[in-house]
Amino acid sequence: MNIILVGMMGSGKTSAGWRLARMMGWAFLDTDLVIEQRTGRKIREIFEAEGEREFRNLEHLTLLDILEEENQVIATGGGVVVWGNNRRYMRMNGLVFWLDAPPEVLYQRVTGQGTSIRPLLAGDDPLGKLRELLELRRPAYEGAAHYRIDASKGTADAVAREILACYRRHTQGDGQHDGGARGSGRTKL
């Protein structure tokens, strides 16, 4: 079993995922970092040189390779859910959590990191592009995720603890728990 985190850029997948892996004593992998290590190039450079289609193919192959192992917390790139059979592979090889947040929160987080590192936000209206991307990807996130976590409030530690609690309920029960959506931001999908 793996725990796989999906969501838009700025949703906290890497920050919460790293903390969650430490709490569980599991390995932590970020698909973007794995791609950068394997290719010796930054994601931005791959996008610029080869385009999004080639990057998504590389991301798909990397995901398949990573999913061969177990007991990992995996932070995925924001667009991994839109390519090929990635949603099906993730659901078959782990428990998938969608870290969701409103575009305005994502924008604040991403611009704090500098939008130049985010190829899909290049241009005059990065917030508008974020809104558009989220709306386009929302059905794919819903289709990939077993659970939705409201990642707009609280710290990365709080999000990690919420995922861990949800994971424990899921694996100790019959997997049909509703996730306690009332008031917690956690929704079973």
Foldseek 3Di string as FASTA:
>chain_A
DEEEEEEAAQLCLQVLQVLLCVVQVAAEEELQVVLCVVVVDHPLVCCVPPNDVVVLVSSVVSLVVVLVDDRYYYYYYHCNLPDDCSLVSDVVRHAYEYRDEDLVLSVVRCVVVPCVSPVQQPDDCSSVSSNVVCVVCVVSSVSRHQKYAHSSDDDSNVSSVLVVVQVVCCVVDVNPDQSCCPPGRMGGD
